[in-house]
């Protein structure tokens, strides 16, 4: 099913494709936080800059990409969970940060964190997501981490099913307060051993 799909370490030149997939994985979260902060730059543009510089948890060194015929069709962004504390949020307006701050506090301490995983819609259903989750588990093992965690929107039933197939289970949840710019949705924290 995943014939012709290769997984490789990301490179700085992959920043734009990774940013597009990050926005897709966030399901509106990054637009909520980043749109309108810099003239003529949307969330994907700002994320591309973060990915390309390589020094934040969103940086290309923390990503693996899935390619089909040399084109990036999926990615996973994963890192030690304590790296979440490195995220610079000074440029995000306080009213936006207050709304989502509980997300950054809901974590499984000491583990490895899958921040985002996405596959382009036209390439879903071919096992690419499975390969990317397996890659993230391998990254965790290489780091010597004993647990892996992730957050997923409760409405993303397809992703939840995939994570459950890999042995992830729900360990916590959070209901974000309503905001007109971001749907009020439940976020589930899932974890498993390595």
C-alpha atoms as a PDB file:
ATOM      1  CA  UNK A   1       0.000   0.000   0.000  1.00  0.00           C
ATOM      2  CA  UNK A   2       2.873   2.398   0.698  1.00  0.00           C
ATOM      3  CA  UNK A   3       4.764   1.451  -2.472  1.00  0.00           C
ATOM      4  CA  UNK A   4       6.942   4.282  -3.654  1.00  0.00           C
ATOM      5  CA  UNK A   5       6.815   6.099  -0.296  1.00  0.00           C
ATOM      6  CA  UNK A   6      10.099   6.961   1.375  1.00  0.00           C
ATOM      7  CA  UNK A   7      10.675   8.589   4.741  1.00  0.00           C
ATOM      8  CA  UNK A   8      13.708  10.790   5.308  1.00  0.00           C
ATOM      9  CA  UNK A   9      15.042  13.388   7.708  1.00  0.00           C
ATOM     10  CA  UNK A  10      13.747  16.830   6.800  1.00  0.00           C
ATOM     11  CA  UNK A  11      16.021  19.504   5.359  1.00  0.00           C
ATOM     12  CA  UNK A  12      15.854  23.288   5.580  1.00  0.00           C
ATOM     13  CA  UNK A  13      14.613  23.418   1.976  1.00  0.00           C
ATOM     14  CA  UNK A  14      11.505  21.474   3.053  1.00  0.00           C
ATOM     15  CA  UNK A  15      10.267  24.341   5.235  1.00  0.00           C
ATOM     16  CA  UNK A  16       7.392  25.499   3.038  1.00  0.00           C
ATOM     17  CA  UNK A  17       5.965  21.991   2.559  1.00  0.00           C
ATOM     18  CA  UNK A  18       6.336  21.203   6.270  1.00  0.00           C
ATOM     19  CA  UNK A  19       4.628  24.483   7.233  1.00  0.00           C
ATOM     20  CA  UNK A  20       1.686  23.706   4.945  1.00  0.00           C
ATOM     21  CA  UNK A  21       1.317  20.313   6.636  1.00  0.00           C
ATOM     22  CA  UNK A  22       1.669  21.856  10.126  1.00  0.00           C
ATOM     23  CA  UNK A  23      -1.214  24.214   9.342  1.00  0.00           C
ATOM     24  CA  UNK A  24      -3.252  21.249   8.107  1.00  0.00           C
ATOM     25  CA  UNK A  25      -2.504  19.274  11.288  1.00  0.00           C
ATOM     26  CA  UNK A  26      -3.455  22.215  13.516  1.00  0.00           C
ATOM     27  CA  UNK A  27      -6.975  22.371  12.078  1.00  0.00           C
ATOM     28  CA  UNK A  28      -7.231  26.140  12.559  1.00  0.00           C
ATOM     29  CA  UNK A  29      -5.022  26.506  15.625  1.00  0.00           C
ATOM     30  CA  UNK A  30      -2.064  28.112  13.840  1.00  0.00           C
ATOM     31  CA  UNK A  31      -4.284  30.496  11.898  1.00  0.00           C
ATOM     32  CA  UNK A  32      -5.927  31.498  15.193  1.00  0.00           C
ATOM     33  CA  UNK A  33      -2.539  32.203  16.778  1.00  0.00           C
ATOM     34  CA  UNK A  34      -0.540  33.640  13.870  1.00  0.00           C
ATOM     35  CA  UNK A  35      -2.740  35.175  11.176  1.00  0.00           C
ATOM     36  CA  UNK A  36      -2.540  38.963  11.005  1.00  0.00           C
ATOM     37  CA  UNK A  37       0.596  39.288  13.146  1.00  0.00           C
ATOM     38  CA  UNK A  38       2.895  40.317  10.282  1.00  0.00           C
ATOM     39  CA  UNK A  39       1.584  42.202   7.230  1.00  0.00           C
ATOM     40  CA  UNK A  40       1.306  40.004   4.125  1.00  0.00           C
ATOM     41  CA  UNK A  41       2.257  36.875   6.078  1.00  0.00           C
ATOM     42  CA  UNK A  42      -0.172  34.169   7.098  1.00  0.00           C
ATOM     43  CA  UNK A  43       0.267  31.307   9.521  1.00  0.00           C
ATOM     44  CA  UNK A  44       1.971  29.077   6.944  1.00  0.00           C
ATOM     45  CA  UNK A  45       4.500  31.813   6.090  1.00  0.00           C
ATOM     46  CA  UNK A  46       5.434  32.368   9.740  1.00  0.00           C
ATOM     47  CA  UNK A  47       5.647  28.631  10.386  1.00  0.00           C
ATOM     48  CA  UNK A  48       7.852  28.195   7.302  1.00  0.00           C
ATOM     49  CA  UNK A  49      10.253  30.721   8.814  1.00  0.00           C
ATOM     50  CA  UNK A  50      10.292  28.833  12.140  1.00  0.00           C
ATOM     51  CA  UNK A  51      10.834  25.511  10.382  1.00  0.00           C
ATOM     52  CA  UNK A  52      13.600  26.877   8.154  1.00  0.00           C
ATOM     53  CA  UNK A  53      15.622  28.488  10.969  1.00  0.00           C
ATOM     54  CA  UNK A  54      15.801  25.033  12.527  1.00  0.00           C
ATOM     55  CA  UNK A  55      16.319  26.066  16.144  1.00  0.00           C
ATOM     56  CA  UNK A  56      12.759  25.834  17.513  1.00  0.00           C
ATOM     57  CA  UNK A  57      10.876  22.619  18.300  1.00  0.00           C
ATOM     58  CA  UNK A  58       9.104  23.219  14.969  1.00  0.00           C
ATOM     59  CA  UNK A  59      12.446  23.326  13.153  1.00  0.00           C
ATOM     60  CA  UNK A  60      13.307  20.984  10.310  1.00  0.00           C
ATOM     61  CA  UNK A  61      15.740  18.925  12.458  1.00  0.00           C
ATOM     62  CA  UNK A  62      12.711  17.767  14.502  1.00  0.00           C
ATOM     63  CA  UNK A  63      10.796  16.628  11.412  1.00  0.00           C
ATOM     64  CA  UNK A  64      10.686  13.615   9.133  1.00  0.00           C
ATOM     65  CA  UNK A  65       8.994  13.793   5.745  1.00  0.00           C
ATOM     66  CA  UNK A  66       7.232  11.227   3.577  1.00  0.00           C
ATOM     67  CA  UNK A  67       7.906  11.484  -0.146  1.00  0.00           C
ATOM     68  CA  UNK A  68       6.167  10.010  -3.161  1.00  0.00           C
ATOM     69  CA  UNK A  69       7.925  10.470  -6.471  1.00  0.00           C
ATOM     70  CA  UNK A  70      10.228  13.005  -4.804  1.00  0.00           C
ATOM     71  CA  UNK A  71       7.354  15.208  -3.549  1.00  0.00           C
ATOM     72  CA  UNK A  72       6.589  15.694   0.159  1.00  0.00           C
ATOM     73  CA  UNK A  73       3.165  14.202   0.882  1.00  0.00           C
ATOM     74  CA  UNK A  74       3.363  13.925   4.678  1.00  0.00           C
ATOM     75  CA  UNK A  75       5.391  14.865   7.735  1.00  0.00           C
ATOM     76  CA  UNK A  76       5.780  14.265  11.435  1.00  0.00           C
ATOM     77  CA  UNK A  77       7.176  16.820  13.885  1.00  0.00           C
ATOM     78  CA  UNK A  78       8.303  15.231  17.174  1.00  0.00           C
ATOM     79  CA  UNK A  79      10.721  16.071  19.974  1.00  0.00           C
ATOM     80  CA  UNK A  80      11.348  15.690  23.736  1.00  0.00           C
ATOM     81  CA  UNK A  81       8.302  17.150  25.468  1.00  0.00           C
ATOM     82  CA  UNK A  82      10.325  19.635  27.539  1.00  0.00           C
ATOM     83  CA  UNK A  83      11.204  21.455  24.307  1.00  0.00           C
ATOM     84  CA  UNK A  84       7.671  22.876  24.402  1.00  0.00           C
ATOM     85  CA  UNK A  85       9.060  25.320  26.971  1.00  0.00           C
ATOM     86  CA  UNK A  86      11.339  26.771  24.263  1.00  0.00           C
ATOM     87  CA  UNK A  87       8.461  28.037  22.128  1.00  0.00           C
ATOM     88  CA  UNK A  88       8.594  31.796  21.724  1.00  0.00           C
ATOM     89  CA  UNK A  89       5.115  33.228  22.101  1.00  0.00           C
ATOM     90  CA  UNK A  90       5.925  36.901  22.707  1.00  0.00           C
ATOM     91  CA  UNK A  91       4.593  38.006  19.322  1.00  0.00           C
ATOM     92  CA  UNK A  92       1.210  36.290  19.813  1.00  0.00           C
ATOM     93  CA  UNK A  93      -1.420  38.632  21.293  1.00  0.00           C
ATOM     94  CA  UNK A  94      -2.227  37.879  24.935  1.00  0.00           C
ATOM     95  CA  UNK A  95      -5.925  37.250  24.257  1.00  0.00           C
ATOM     96  CA  UNK A  96      -5.010  34.482  21.789  1.00  0.00           C
ATOM     97  CA  UNK A  97      -2.384  32.925  24.066  1.00  0.00           C
ATOM     98  CA  UNK A  98      -4.658  32.898  27.110  1.00  0.00           C
ATOM     99  CA  UNK A  99      -7.202  30.947  25.104  1.00  0.00           C
ATOM    100  CA  UNK A 100      -4.780  28.143  24.179  1.00  0.00           C
ATOM    101  CA  UNK A 101      -2.271  28.255  27.048  1.00  0.00           C
ATOM    102  CA  UNK A 102      -3.799  25.186  28.719  1.00  0.00           C
ATOM    103  CA  UNK A 103      -2.767  23.177  25.639  1.00  0.00           C
ATOM    104  CA  UNK A 104       0.914  23.764  26.349  1.00  0.00           C
ATOM    105  CA  UNK A 105       0.476  22.710  29.971  1.00  0.00           C
ATOM    106  CA  UNK A 106      -1.311  19.450  29.155  1.00  0.00           C
ATOM    107  CA  UNK A 107       1.588  17.042  28.686  1.00  0.00           C
ATOM    108  CA  UNK A 108       3.123  13.746  29.709  1.00  0.00           C
ATOM    109  CA  UNK A 109       6.345  14.849  31.507  1.00  0.00           C
ATOM    110  CA  UNK A 110       9.654  13.280  30.556  1.00  0.00           C
ATOM    111  CA  UNK A 111       8.410  11.704  27.373  1.00  0.00           C
ATOM    112  CA  UNK A 112       8.708  12.271  23.663  1.00  0.00           C
ATOM    113  CA  UNK A 113       6.022  14.407  22.043  1.00  0.00           C
ATOM    114  CA  UNK A 114       4.462  14.075  18.608  1.00  0.00           C
ATOM    115  CA  UNK A 115       3.588  17.701  17.990  1.00  0.00           C
ATOM    116  CA  UNK A 116       2.062  17.245  14.548  1.00  0.00           C
ATOM    117  CA  UNK A 117       1.545  14.594  11.931  1.00  0.00           C
ATOM    118  CA  UNK A 118      -0.187  15.178   8.608  1.00  0.00           C
ATOM    119  CA  UNK A 119      -0.619  13.586   5.205  1.00  0.00           C
ATOM    120  CA  UNK A 120      -1.928  15.492   2.200  1.00  0.00           C
ATOM    121  CA  UNK A 121      -5.628  14.607   1.717  1.00  0.00           C
ATOM    122  CA  UNK A 122      -5.134  13.025  -1.698  1.00  0.00           C
ATOM    123  CA  UNK A 123      -2.532  10.623  -0.245  1.00  0.00           C
ATOM    124  CA  UNK A 124      -4.470   9.448   2.814  1.00  0.00           C
ATOM    125  CA  UNK A 125      -5.579   5.857   3.224  1.00  0.00           C
ATOM    126  CA  UNK A 126      -2.344   4.388   1.843  1.00  0.00           C
ATOM    127  CA  UNK A 127      -0.448   3.719   5.075  1.00  0.00           C
ATOM    128  CA  UNK A 128       1.677   6.879   5.056  1.00  0.00           C
ATOM    129  CA  UNK A 129       0.377   7.963   8.462  1.00  0.00           C
ATOM    130  CA  UNK A 130       1.344   4.559   9.862  1.00  0.00           C
ATOM    131  CA  UNK A 131       4.867   4.953   8.527  1.00  0.00           C
ATOM    132  CA  UNK A 132       5.132   8.425  10.067  1.00  0.00           C
ATOM    133  CA  UNK A 133       3.880   7.290  13.490  1.00  0.00           C
ATOM    134  CA  UNK A 134       6.358   4.390  13.388  1.00  0.00           C
ATOM    135  CA  UNK A 135       9.095   6.890  12.503  1.00  0.00           C
ATOM    136  CA  UNK A 136       8.185   9.049  15.515  1.00  0.00           C
ATOM    137  CA  UNK A 137       8.314   6.001  17.784  1.00  0.00           C
ATOM    138  CA  UNK A 138      11.772   5.241  16.403  1.00  0.00           C
ATOM    139  CA  UNK A 139      12.825   8.844  17.091  1.00  0.00           C
ATOM    140  CA  UNK A 140      11.652   8.435  20.696  1.00  0.00           C
ATOM    141  CA  UNK A 141      13.599   5.203  21.091  1.00  0.00           C
ATOM    142  CA  UNK A 142      16.741   6.824  19.660  1.00  0.00           C
ATOM    143  CA  UNK A 143      16.354   9.575  22.277  1.00  0.00           C
ATOM    144  CA  UNK A 144      16.084   6.954  25.023  1.00  0.00           C
ATOM    145  CA  UNK A 145      12.553   8.051  25.934  1.00  0.00           C
ATOM    146  CA  UNK A 146      10.255   5.543  27.607  1.00  0.00           C
ATOM    147  CA  UNK A 147       6.925   7.179  26.652  1.00  0.00           C
ATOM    148  CA  UNK A 148       5.452   8.998  23.687  1.00  0.00           C
ATOM    149  CA  UNK A 149       2.510  11.368  23.829  1.00  0.00           C
ATOM    150  CA  UNK A 150       0.468  13.547  21.505  1.00  0.00           C
ATOM    151  CA  UNK A 151      -2.568  15.797  21.487  1.00  0.00           C
ATOM    152  CA  UNK A 152      -5.413  15.227  19.053  1.00  0.00           C
ATOM    153  CA  UNK A 153      -8.703  17.016  18.482  1.00  0.00           C
ATOM    154  CA  UNK A 154     -11.599  14.778  19.569  1.00  0.00           C
ATOM    155  CA  UNK A 155     -13.242  15.375  16.187  1.00  0.00           C
ATOM    156  CA  UNK A 156     -10.277  13.794  14.357  1.00  0.00           C
ATOM    157  CA  UNK A 157     -11.608  10.252  14.671  1.00  0.00           C
ATOM    158  CA  UNK A 158      -9.449   8.936  11.831  1.00  0.00           C
ATOM    159  CA  UNK A 159      -6.252   9.983  13.625  1.00  0.00           C
ATOM    160  CA  UNK A 160      -7.514   8.704  16.982  1.00  0.00           C
ATOM    161  CA  UNK A 161      -8.176   5.294  15.435  1.00  0.00           C
ATOM    162  CA  UNK A 162      -4.660   5.224  13.948  1.00  0.00           C
ATOM    163  CA  UNK A 163      -3.056   6.146  17.271  1.00  0.00           C
ATOM    164  CA  UNK A 164      -5.110   3.527  19.102  1.00  0.00           C
ATOM    165  CA  UNK A 165      -3.878   0.915  16.601  1.00  0.00           C
ATOM    166  CA  UNK A 166      -0.365   1.828  17.743  1.00  0.00           C
ATOM    167  CA  UNK A 167      -1.324   1.351  21.408  1.00  0.00           C
ATOM    168  CA  UNK A 168      -1.911   4.984  22.358  1.00  0.00           C
ATOM    169  CA  UNK A 169      -4.678   5.560  24.894  1.00  0.00           C
ATOM    170  CA  UNK A 170      -6.295   8.658  26.325  1.00  0.00           C
ATOM    171  CA  UNK A 171      -4.705   9.891  29.554  1.00  0.00           C
ATOM    172  CA  UNK A 172      -6.284  13.373  29.779  1.00  0.00           C
ATOM    173  CA  UNK A 173      -8.524  15.794  27.921  1.00  0.00           C
ATOM    174  CA  UNK A 174      -9.200  19.505  27.813  1.00  0.00           C
ATOM    175  CA  UNK A 175     -12.175  21.509  26.617  1.00  0.00           C
ATOM    176  CA  UNK A 176     -11.099  24.827  25.134  1.00  0.00           C
ATOM    177  CA  UNK A 177     -13.406  27.748  25.881  1.00  0.00           C
ATOM    178  CA  UNK A 178     -15.480  29.086  22.997  1.00  0.00           C
ATOM    179  CA  UNK A 179     -13.893  31.665  20.734  1.00  0.00           C
ATOM    180  CA  UNK A 180     -15.421  32.871  17.467  1.00  0.00           C
ATOM    181  CA  UNK A 181     -12.041  32.524  15.731  1.00  0.00           C
ATOM    182  CA  UNK A 182     -11.413  28.976  16.955  1.00  0.00           C
ATOM    183  CA  UNK A 183     -13.982  26.247  17.328  1.00  0.00           C
ATOM    184  CA  UNK A 184     -14.488  25.153  20.925  1.00  0.00           C
ATOM    185  CA  UNK A 185     -13.280  21.587  20.751  1.00  0.00           C
ATOM    186  CA  UNK A 186     -12.059  18.916  23.068  1.00  0.00           C
ATOM    187  CA  UNK A 187      -8.378  18.059  22.932  1.00  0.00           C
ATOM    188  CA  UNK A 188      -7.301  14.569  23.978  1.00  0.00           C
ATOM    189  CA  UNK A 189      -3.850  13.761  25.359  1.00  0.00           C
ATOM    190  CA  UNK A 190      -2.846  10.238  24.322  1.00  0.00           C
ATOM    191  CA  UNK A 191       0.262   8.304  25.368  1.00  0.00           C
ATOM    192  CA  UNK A 192       1.964   4.911  25.164  1.00  0.00           C
ATOM    193  CA  UNK A 193       5.222   3.293  26.141  1.00  0.00           C
ATOM    194  CA  UNK A 194       8.054   2.985  23.645  1.00  0.00           C
END
